[in-house]
Amino acid sequence: MAAPVPGSGVPLLLACDLDGTLLDYGSVPVPGAAEAITELVAAGAVFVVVTGRPLQSARRATAAVGVEPVVFACYHGALIVEARGALIRHLPVPSGPARAVVAEALAGGVGVTVWDMDEPRELDEGAGPGDEPGDEVSRLVLHGDPLVVARLLGELQPRWAGRLRIQQIRPGFLGVFSPEVDKGEAMSLVAGRLGVPPDRTVACGDGMADETLLAAAAVRIAVGETPHVLAHLPGVVVTNWARLPETLRAQVLPLL
């Protein structure tokens, strides 16, 4: 991918993850991040959020940080909406496989949270046919004893490879998505919709869930301590929370 051209007059997209990036692991906003992003937006950058969070949670997080994106790409890109609420894209979990996974989880004593578009509901072993996942599910969350959930992950991933995306959120919690869900693809879709070419994209994330997001961008910023899990990406700049505001300015301002 060609390097971004400074001062080209072409829009530049800044795509940021939330947890571990603009928020620390205690969900506390990173000091100075909002001011840096506001400065970059004033200089011409277009700010978007690409996160695993639900939309309602992502809105609360950006309000806490103190800066609003023009677009939210939530559930790793399954649900993409404009800040004012207009739907751009929804990739629901395929209903047939979703029902099968839910049935197996419940039979094994694992709880299930169904996110219908952006509204959660809990299922338990007594769930009837009317409680099954429908056709507009953004994400399933399987939750329970970490050992049981880890065993279930090992069974489900190979069985549903190519038909569902199943990943650990944290110990005891699994996320189930459409197989097309991908942070990098979501950022590219948003960039194209906003008229931003691939070589005018900057991505900022903190972990392996952000690998495709950074890989799809021309400028890559990994937040965390060195050695970093994303340090293998070509051209990646590693920074920590304390240096994030100055890193954003140093990497983005020269391109505007």
C-alpha atoms as a PDB file:
ATOM      1  CA  MET A   1       0.000   0.000   0.000  1.00  0.00           C
ATOM      2  CA  ALA A   2       1.350   3.413  -0.987  1.00  0.00           C
ATOM      3  CA  ALA A   3       2.220   5.886   1.758  1.00  0.00           C
ATOM      4  CA  PRO A   4      -0.331   8.671   2.374  1.00  0.00           C
ATOM      5  CA  VAL A   5       0.370  11.867   0.468  1.00  0.00           C
ATOM      6  CA  PRO A   6       0.747  14.864   2.842  1.00  0.00           C
ATOM      7  CA  GLY A   7      -1.450  17.876   2.176  1.00  0.00           C
ATOM      8  CA  SER A   8      -3.143  16.272  -0.842  1.00  0.00           C
ATOM      9  CA  GLY A   9      -6.543  17.796  -0.103  1.00  0.00           C
ATOM     10  CA  VAL A  10      -8.017  14.267  -0.095  1.00  0.00           C
ATOM     11  CA  PRO A  11      -9.929  13.273   3.092  1.00  0.00           C
ATOM     12  CA  LEU A  12      -8.043  11.234   5.671  1.00  0.00           C
ATOM     13  CA  LEU A  13      -9.790   8.632   7.844  1.00  0.00           C
ATOM     14  CA  LEU A  14      -8.797   8.014  11.480  1.00  0.00           C
ATOM     15  CA  ALA A  15     -10.301   4.721  12.699  1.00  0.00           C
ATOM     16  CA  CYS A  16      -9.896   3.911  16.405  1.00  0.00           C
ATOM     17  CA  ASP A  17     -10.750   0.992  18.621  1.00  0.00           C
ATOM     18  CA  LEU A  18     -12.156   1.860  22.063  1.00  0.00           C
ATOM     19  CA  ASP A  19     -11.216  -0.587  24.835  1.00  0.00           C
ATOM     20  CA  GLY A  20      -7.489  -0.641  25.425  1.00  0.00           C
ATOM     21  CA  THR A  21      -7.024   2.194  22.943  1.00  0.00           C
ATOM     22  CA  LEU A  22      -9.022   5.358  23.704  1.00  0.00           C
ATOM     23  CA  LEU A  23     -10.059   3.781  27.031  1.00  0.00           C
ATOM     24  CA  ASP A  24      -7.703   1.973  29.374  1.00  0.00           C
ATOM     25  CA  TYR A  25      -8.501  -1.513  30.655  1.00  0.00           C
ATOM     26  CA  GLY A  26     -10.515   0.023  33.467  1.00  0.00           C
ATOM     27  CA  SER A  27     -12.690   1.832  30.879  1.00  0.00           C
ATOM     28  CA  VAL A  28     -11.162   5.174  31.894  1.00  0.00           C
ATOM     29  CA  PRO A  29     -10.634   7.614  28.982  1.00  0.00           C
ATOM     30  CA  VAL A  30      -6.991   8.105  28.030  1.00  0.00           C
ATOM     31  CA  PRO A  31      -5.978  11.639  29.121  1.00  0.00           C
ATOM     32  CA  GLY A  32      -5.494  13.967  26.177  1.00  0.00           C
ATOM     33  CA  ALA A  33      -6.851  11.594  23.527  1.00  0.00           C
ATOM     34  CA  ALA A  34     -10.036  13.592  22.970  1.00  0.00           C
ATOM     35  CA  GLU A  35      -8.099  16.827  22.596  1.00  0.00           C
ATOM     36  CA  ALA A  36      -5.730  15.260  20.067  1.00  0.00           C
ATOM     37  CA  ILE A  37      -8.568  13.785  18.007  1.00  0.00           C
ATOM     38  CA  THR A  38     -10.509  17.049  18.125  1.00  0.00           C
ATOM     39  CA  GLU A  39      -7.420  18.847  16.836  1.00  0.00           C
ATOM     40  CA  LEU A  40      -7.017  16.330  14.016  1.00  0.00           C
ATOM     41  CA  VAL A  41     -10.683  16.581  13.031  1.00  0.00           C
ATOM     42  CA  ALA A  42     -10.401  20.377  12.962  1.00  0.00           C
ATOM     43  CA  ALA A  43      -7.434  19.960  10.609  1.00  0.00           C
ATOM     44  CA  GLY A  44      -9.477  17.763   8.257  1.00  0.00           C
ATOM     45  CA  ALA A  45      -9.417  14.179   9.530  1.00  0.00           C
ATOM     46  CA  VAL A  46     -12.606  12.088   9.576  1.00  0.00           C
ATOM     47  CA  PHE A  47     -12.920  10.185  12.870  1.00  0.00           C
ATOM     48  CA  VAL A  48     -14.696   6.811  13.079  1.00  0.00           C
ATOM     49  CA  VAL A  49     -14.868   4.130  15.775  1.00  0.00           C
ATOM     50  CA  VAL A  50     -14.382   0.424  15.031  1.00  0.00           C
ATOM     51  CA  THR A  51     -15.135  -1.649  18.144  1.00  0.00           C
ATOM     52  CA  GLY A  52     -16.382  -4.949  19.447  1.00  0.00           C
ATOM     53  CA  ARG A  53     -18.848  -3.101  21.676  1.00  0.00           C
ATOM     54  CA  PRO A  54     -22.597  -2.858  21.047  1.00  0.00           C
ATOM     55  CA  LEU A  55     -23.746   0.472  19.641  1.00  0.00           C
ATOM     56  CA  GLN A  56     -25.374   1.732  22.842  1.00  0.00           C
ATOM     57  CA  SER A  57     -22.203   0.920  24.793  1.00  0.00           C
ATOM     58  CA  ALA A  58     -19.964   2.518  22.150  1.00  0.00           C
ATOM     59  CA  ARG A  59     -22.013   5.727  22.317  1.00  0.00           C
ATOM     60  CA  ARG A  60     -21.565   5.873  26.087  1.00  0.00           C
ATOM     61  CA  ALA A  61     -17.838   5.250  25.706  1.00  0.00           C
ATOM     62  CA  THR A  62     -17.260   8.011  23.153  1.00  0.00           C
ATOM     63  CA  ALA A  63     -19.325  10.381  25.303  1.00  0.00           C
ATOM     64  CA  ALA A  64     -17.031   9.544  28.226  1.00  0.00           C
ATOM     65  CA  VAL A  65     -13.938  10.085  26.079  1.00  0.00           C
ATOM     66  CA  GLY A  66     -15.386  13.386  24.914  1.00  0.00           C
ATOM     67  CA  VAL A  67     -15.302  13.022  21.141  1.00  0.00           C
ATOM     68  CA  GLU A  68     -17.985  11.779  18.729  1.00  0.00           C
ATOM     69  CA  PRO A  69     -17.190   9.869  15.522  1.00  0.00           C
ATOM     70  CA  VAL A  70     -19.079  10.342  12.276  1.00  0.00           C
ATOM     71  CA  VAL A  71     -19.587   6.553  12.077  1.00  0.00           C
ATOM     72  CA  PHE A  72     -19.746   3.690  14.588  1.00  0.00           C
ATOM     73  CA  ALA A  73     -18.716   0.224  13.361  1.00  0.00           C
ATOM     74  CA  CYS A  74     -19.816  -2.053  16.230  1.00  0.00           C
ATOM     75  CA  TYR A  75     -19.669  -5.799  16.967  1.00  0.00           C
ATOM     76  CA  HIS A  76     -16.361  -5.848  15.025  1.00  0.00           C
ATOM     77  CA  GLY A  77     -18.200  -4.398  12.028  1.00  0.00           C
ATOM     78  CA  ALA A  78     -21.423  -6.410  12.068  1.00  0.00           C
ATOM     79  CA  LEU A  79     -23.434  -3.231  12.700  1.00  0.00           C
ATOM     80  CA  ILE A  80     -22.319   0.041  11.090  1.00  0.00           C
ATOM     81  CA  VAL A  81     -24.314   3.224  11.625  1.00  0.00           C
ATOM     82  CA  GLU A  82     -23.841   6.940  11.196  1.00  0.00           C
ATOM     83  CA  ALA A  83     -23.545   8.963  14.405  1.00  0.00           C
ATOM     84  CA  ARG A  84     -27.056  10.314  13.833  1.00  0.00           C
ATOM     85  CA  GLY A  85     -28.419   6.772  13.645  1.00  0.00           C
ATOM     86  CA  ALA A  86     -28.762   6.000   9.916  1.00  0.00           C
ATOM     87  CA  LEU A  87     -27.978   2.334   9.220  1.00  0.00           C
ATOM     88  CA  ILE A  88     -25.092   1.708   6.823  1.00  0.00           C
ATOM     89  CA  ARG A  89     -24.756  -2.069   7.069  1.00  0.00           C
ATOM     90  CA  HIS A  90     -25.870  -5.012   9.202  1.00  0.00           C
ATOM     91  CA  LEU A  91     -24.369  -8.507   8.973  1.00  0.00           C
ATOM     92  CA  PRO A  92     -26.576 -10.732  11.160  1.00  0.00           C
ATOM     93  CA  VAL A  93     -25.503 -14.113  12.501  1.00  0.00           C
ATOM     94  CA  PRO A  94     -26.958 -16.800  10.152  1.00  0.00           C
ATOM     95  CA  SER A  95     -30.110 -17.972  11.903  1.00  0.00           C
ATOM     96  CA  GLY A  96     -29.782 -21.728  11.310  1.00  0.00           C
ATOM     97  CA  PRO A  97     -26.241 -22.087  12.688  1.00  0.00           C
ATOM     98  CA  ALA A  98     -27.095 -19.626  15.468  1.00  0.00           C
ATOM     99  CA  ARG A  99     -29.971 -21.820  16.664  1.00  0.00           C
ATOM    100  CA  ALA A 100     -27.758 -24.894  16.638  1.00  0.00           C
ATOM    101  CA  VAL A 101     -25.014 -23.183  18.661  1.00  0.00           C
ATOM    102  CA  VAL A 102     -27.544 -21.812  21.164  1.00  0.00           C
ATOM    103  CA  ALA A 103     -29.110 -25.241  21.641  1.00  0.00           C
ATOM    104  CA  GLU A 104     -25.711 -26.839  22.251  1.00  0.00           C
ATOM    105  CA  ALA A 105     -24.634 -24.114  24.660  1.00  0.00           C
ATOM    106  CA  LEU A 106     -27.825 -24.273  26.708  1.00  0.00           C
ATOM    107  CA  ALA A 107     -27.709 -28.086  26.827  1.00  0.00           C
ATOM    108  CA  GLY A 108     -24.183 -27.827  28.238  1.00  0.00           C
ATOM    109  CA  GLY A 109     -25.194 -25.390  30.966  1.00  0.00           C
ATOM    110  CA  VAL A 110     -23.757 -22.323  29.241  1.00  0.00           C
ATOM    111  CA  GLY A 111     -25.843 -19.142  29.225  1.00  0.00           C
ATOM    112  CA  VAL A 112     -26.589 -17.188  26.053  1.00  0.00           C
ATOM    113  CA  THR A 113     -27.145 -13.483  25.470  1.00  0.00           C
ATOM    114  CA  VAL A 114     -28.765 -12.674  22.138  1.00  0.00           C
ATOM    115  CA  TRP A 115     -28.191  -9.190  20.718  1.00  0.00           C
ATOM    116  CA  ASP A 116     -31.170  -8.494  18.450  1.00  0.00           C
ATOM    117  CA  MET A 117     -29.678  -5.691  16.334  1.00  0.00           C
ATOM    118  CA  ASP A 118     -28.588  -3.719  19.451  1.00  0.00           C
ATOM    119  CA  GLU A 119     -30.951  -5.012  22.154  1.00  0.00           C
ATOM    120  CA  PRO A 120     -29.882  -7.847  24.491  1.00  0.00           C
ATOM    121  CA  ARG A 121     -32.004 -10.681  25.856  1.00  0.00           C
ATOM    122  CA  GLU A 122     -31.006 -13.659  27.955  1.00  0.00           C
ATOM    123  CA  LEU A 123     -31.798 -17.278  27.132  1.00  0.00           C
ATOM    124  CA  ASP A 124     -31.729 -20.189  29.544  1.00  0.00           C
ATOM    125  CA  GLU A 125     -32.464 -23.907  29.452  1.00  0.00           C
ATOM    126  CA  GLY A 126     -36.193 -23.209  29.569  1.00  0.00           C
ATOM    127  CA  ALA A 127     -36.149 -21.157  26.354  1.00  0.00           C
ATOM    128  CA  GLY A 128     -38.919 -22.100  23.939  1.00  0.00           C
ATOM    129  CA  PRO A 129     -39.108 -21.894  20.131  1.00  0.00           C
ATOM    130  CA  GLY A 130     -40.233 -18.267  20.294  1.00  0.00           C
ATOM    131  CA  ASP A 131     -37.078 -17.378  22.240  1.00  0.00           C
ATOM    132  CA  GLU A 132     -34.648 -18.661  19.614  1.00  0.00           C
ATOM    133  CA  PRO A 133     -32.324 -16.321  17.714  1.00  0.00           C
ATOM    134  CA  GLY A 134     -34.051 -14.618  14.813  1.00  0.00           C
ATOM    135  CA  ASP A 135     -32.826 -13.118  11.555  1.00  0.00           C
ATOM    136  CA  GLU A 136     -31.453  -9.813  12.931  1.00  0.00           C
ATOM    137  CA  VAL A 137     -28.923 -10.996  15.533  1.00  0.00           C
ATOM    138  CA  SER A 138     -25.728  -8.923  15.588  1.00  0.00           C
ATOM    139  CA  ARG A 139     -23.958 -11.175  18.081  1.00  0.00           C
ATOM    140  CA  LEU A 140     -24.439 -14.100  20.426  1.00  0.00           C
ATOM    141  CA  VAL A 141     -22.513 -14.156  23.694  1.00  0.00           C
ATOM    142  CA  LEU A 142     -22.026 -17.562  25.334  1.00  0.00           C
ATOM    143  CA  HIS A 143     -21.085 -17.264  28.993  1.00  0.00           C
ATOM    144  CA  GLY A 144     -20.436 -19.539  31.947  1.00  0.00           C
ATOM    145  CA  ASP A 145     -17.732 -21.437  33.785  1.00  0.00           C
ATOM    146  CA  PRO A 146     -14.434 -20.568  32.054  1.00  0.00           C
ATOM    147  CA  LEU A 147     -13.343 -24.203  31.779  1.00  0.00           C
ATOM    148  CA  VAL A 148     -16.669 -25.279  30.300  1.00  0.00           C
ATOM    149  CA  VAL A 149     -16.711 -22.335  27.905  1.00  0.00           C
ATOM    150  CA  ALA A 150     -13.114 -22.998  26.826  1.00  0.00           C
ATOM    151  CA  ARG A 151     -13.998 -26.618  26.045  1.00  0.00           C
ATOM    152  CA  LEU A 152     -17.052 -25.456  24.105  1.00  0.00           C
ATOM    153  CA  LEU A 153     -14.876 -23.049  22.082  1.00  0.00           C
ATOM    154  CA  GLY A 154     -12.578 -25.916  21.091  1.00  0.00           C
ATOM    155  CA  GLU A 155     -15.573 -27.904  19.870  1.00  0.00           C
ATOM    156  CA  LEU A 156     -17.454 -25.103  18.106  1.00  0.00           C
ATOM    157  CA  GLN A 157     -14.657 -23.389  16.169  1.00  0.00           C
ATOM    158  CA  PRO A 158     -13.720 -26.335  13.911  1.00  0.00           C
ATOM    159  CA  ARG A 159     -17.336 -27.453  13.539  1.00  0.00           C
ATOM    160  CA  TRP A 160     -18.558 -24.076  12.320  1.00  0.00           C
ATOM    161  CA  ALA A 161     -15.423 -22.884  10.487  1.00  0.00           C
ATOM    162  CA  GLY A 162     -16.457 -20.785   7.495  1.00  0.00           C
ATOM    163  CA  ARG A 163     -20.091 -20.601   8.642  1.00  0.00           C
ATOM    164  CA  LEU A 164     -19.704 -18.652  11.896  1.00  0.00           C
ATOM    165  CA  ARG A 165     -16.992 -16.552  13.473  1.00  0.00           C
ATOM    166  CA  ILE A 166     -16.519 -17.723  17.069  1.00  0.00           C
ATOM    167  CA  GLN A 167     -13.930 -16.152  19.358  1.00  0.00           C
ATOM    168  CA  GLN A 168     -13.140 -15.671  23.024  1.00  0.00           C
ATOM    169  CA  ILE A 169     -14.085 -12.254  24.365  1.00  0.00           C
ATOM    170  CA  ARG A 170     -12.506 -12.946  27.745  1.00  0.00           C
ATOM    171  CA  PRO A 171     -12.321 -16.053  29.978  1.00  0.00           C
ATOM    172  CA  GLY A 172     -15.813 -17.502  30.296  1.00  0.00           C
ATOM    173  CA  PHE A 173     -17.259 -15.493  27.387  1.00  0.00           C
ATOM    174  CA  LEU A 174     -17.465 -16.321  23.662  1.00  0.00           C
ATOM    175  CA  GLY A 175     -18.699 -14.094  20.863  1.00  0.00           C
ATOM    176  CA  VAL A 176     -20.499 -15.603  17.865  1.00  0.00           C
ATOM    177  CA  PHE A 177     -20.740 -13.508  14.681  1.00  0.00           C
ATOM    178  CA  SER A 178     -21.436 -13.742  10.992  1.00  0.00           C
ATOM    179  CA  PRO A 179     -18.370 -15.221   9.234  1.00  0.00           C
ATOM    180  CA  GLU A 180     -18.036 -12.019   7.155  1.00  0.00           C
ATOM    181  CA  VAL A 181     -17.498  -9.824  10.226  1.00  0.00           C
ATOM    182  CA  ASP A 182     -14.039  -8.240  10.149  1.00  0.00           C
ATOM    183  CA  LYS A 183     -12.762  -4.930  11.550  1.00  0.00           C
ATOM    184  CA  GLY A 184     -10.490  -4.249   8.599  1.00  0.00           C
ATOM    185  CA  GLU A 185     -13.254  -4.866   6.076  1.00  0.00           C
ATOM    186  CA  ALA A 186     -15.555  -2.609   8.085  1.00  0.00           C
ATOM    187  CA  MET A 187     -13.022   0.230   8.058  1.00  0.00           C
ATOM    188  CA  SER A 188     -12.512  -0.164   4.301  1.00  0.00           C
ATOM    189  CA  LEU A 189     -16.260  -0.115   3.699  1.00  0.00           C
ATOM    190  CA  VAL A 190     -16.644   3.074   5.760  1.00  0.00           C
ATOM    191  CA  ALA A 191     -13.667   4.697   4.037  1.00  0.00           C
ATOM    192  CA  GLY A 192     -15.145   3.973   0.628  1.00  0.00           C
ATOM    193  CA  ARG A 193     -18.521   5.339   1.666  1.00  0.00           C
ATOM    194  CA  LEU A 194     -16.862   8.549   2.900  1.00  0.00           C
ATOM    195  CA  GLY A 195     -14.751   8.929  -0.227  1.00  0.00           C
ATOM    196  CA  VAL A 196     -11.438   8.175   1.495  1.00  0.00           C
ATOM    197  CA  PRO A 197      -8.924   6.140  -0.560  1.00  0.00           C
ATOM    198  CA  PRO A 198      -7.107   3.220   1.122  1.00  0.00           C
ATOM    199  CA  ASP A 199      -3.820   5.103   1.206  1.00  0.00           C
ATOM    200  CA  ARG A 200      -5.408   7.878   3.320  1.00  0.00           C
ATOM    201  CA  THR A 201      -6.408   5.685   6.266  1.00  0.00           C
ATOM    202  CA  VAL A 202      -4.985   5.587   9.797  1.00  0.00           C
ATOM    203  CA  ALA A 203      -5.949   2.860  12.285  1.00  0.00           C
ATOM    204  CA  CYS A 204      -5.332   2.657  16.011  1.00  0.00           C
ATOM    205  CA  GLY A 205      -5.880  -0.471  18.133  1.00  0.00           C
ATOM    206  CA  ASP A 206      -4.430  -2.464  20.990  1.00  0.00           C
ATOM    207  CA  GLY A 207      -4.745  -6.213  20.472  1.00  0.00           C
ATOM    208  CA  MET A 208      -5.152  -9.168  18.147  1.00  0.00           C
ATOM    209  CA  ALA A 209      -8.822  -8.316  17.629  1.00  0.00           C
ATOM    210  CA  ASP A 210      -7.516  -5.184  15.869  1.00  0.00           C
ATOM    211  CA  GLU A 211      -5.023  -6.961  13.609  1.00  0.00           C
ATOM    212  CA  THR A 212      -7.166  -6.778  10.468  1.00  0.00           C
ATOM    213  CA  LEU A 213      -8.090  -3.168  11.276  1.00  0.00           C
ATOM    214  CA  LEU A 214      -4.440  -2.107  11.370  1.00  0.00           C
ATOM    215  CA  ALA A 215      -3.492  -4.328   8.433  1.00  0.00           C
ATOM    216  CA  ALA A 216      -6.113  -2.608   6.242  1.00  0.00           C
ATOM    217  CA  ALA A 217      -4.778   0.892   7.042  1.00  0.00           C
ATOM    218  CA  ALA A 218      -1.916   2.824   5.486  1.00  0.00           C
ATOM    219  CA  VAL A 219      -0.733   4.154   8.879  1.00  0.00           C
ATOM    220  CA  ARG A 220      -0.808   1.711  11.809  1.00  0.00           C
ATOM    221  CA  ILE A 221      -0.687   2.655  15.488  1.00  0.00           C
ATOM    222  CA  ALA A 222      -0.604  -0.094  18.128  1.00  0.00           C
ATOM    223  CA  VAL A 223      -1.344   0.959  21.704  1.00  0.00           C
ATOM    224  CA  GLY A 224       0.419  -0.933  24.486  1.00  0.00           C
ATOM    225  CA  GLU A 225       3.837  -1.801  25.797  1.00  0.00           C
ATOM    226  CA  THR A 226       6.667  -3.277  23.750  1.00  0.00           C
ATOM    227  CA  PRO A 227       7.064  -6.018  22.689  1.00  0.00           C
ATOM    228  CA  HIS A 228       3.565  -5.632  21.221  1.00  0.00           C
ATOM    229  CA  VAL A 229       1.360  -8.401  19.826  1.00  0.00           C
ATOM    230  CA  LEU A 230       0.842  -6.295  16.669  1.00  0.00           C
ATOM    231  CA  ALA A 231       4.513  -5.379  16.214  1.00  0.00           C
ATOM    232  CA  HIS A 232       4.783  -7.892  13.336  1.00  0.00           C
ATOM    233  CA  LEU A 233       2.664  -5.661  11.084  1.00  0.00           C
ATOM    234  CA  PRO A 234       4.800  -3.702   8.591  1.00  0.00           C
ATOM    235  CA  GLY A 235       5.329  -0.087   9.557  1.00  0.00           C
ATOM    236  CA  VAL A 236       3.422  -0.305  12.834  1.00  0.00           C
ATOM    237  CA  VAL A 237       4.120   2.449  15.388  1.00  0.00           C
ATOM    238  CA  VAL A 238       3.869   1.224  18.985  1.00  0.00           C
ATOM    239  CA  THR A 239       2.871   3.722  21.659  1.00  0.00           C
ATOM    240  CA  ASN A 240       1.450   3.555  25.168  1.00  0.00           C
ATOM    241  CA  TRP A 241      -1.541   5.381  26.634  1.00  0.00           C
ATOM    242  CA  ALA A 242       0.587   8.204  28.027  1.00  0.00           C
ATOM    243  CA  ARG A 243       2.101   8.889  24.607  1.00  0.00           C
ATOM    244  CA  LEU A 244      -1.017   8.239  22.542  1.00  0.00           C
ATOM    245  CA  PRO A 245      -2.060  11.912  22.098  1.00  0.00           C
ATOM    246  CA  GLU A 246       1.410  12.981  20.922  1.00  0.00           C
ATOM    247  CA  THR A 247       1.679   9.900  18.691  1.00  0.00           C
ATOM    248  CA  LEU A 248      -1.653  10.683  17.021  1.00  0.00           C
ATOM    249  CA  ARG A 249      -0.539  14.239  16.348  1.00  0.00           C
ATOM    250  CA  ALA A 250       2.878  13.151  15.080  1.00  0.00           C
ATOM    251  CA  GLN A 251       1.498  10.493  12.746  1.00  0.00           C
ATOM    252  CA  VAL A 252      -1.608  12.257  11.441  1.00  0.00           C
ATOM    253  CA  LEU A 253      -1.060  16.038  11.417  1.00  0.00           C
ATOM    254  CA  PRO A 254       1.719  15.926   8.780  1.00  0.00           C
ATOM    255  CA  LEU A 255      -0.701  14.162   6.424  1.00  0.00           C
ATOM    256  CA  LEU A 256      -3.428  16.816   6.643  1.00  0.00           C
END
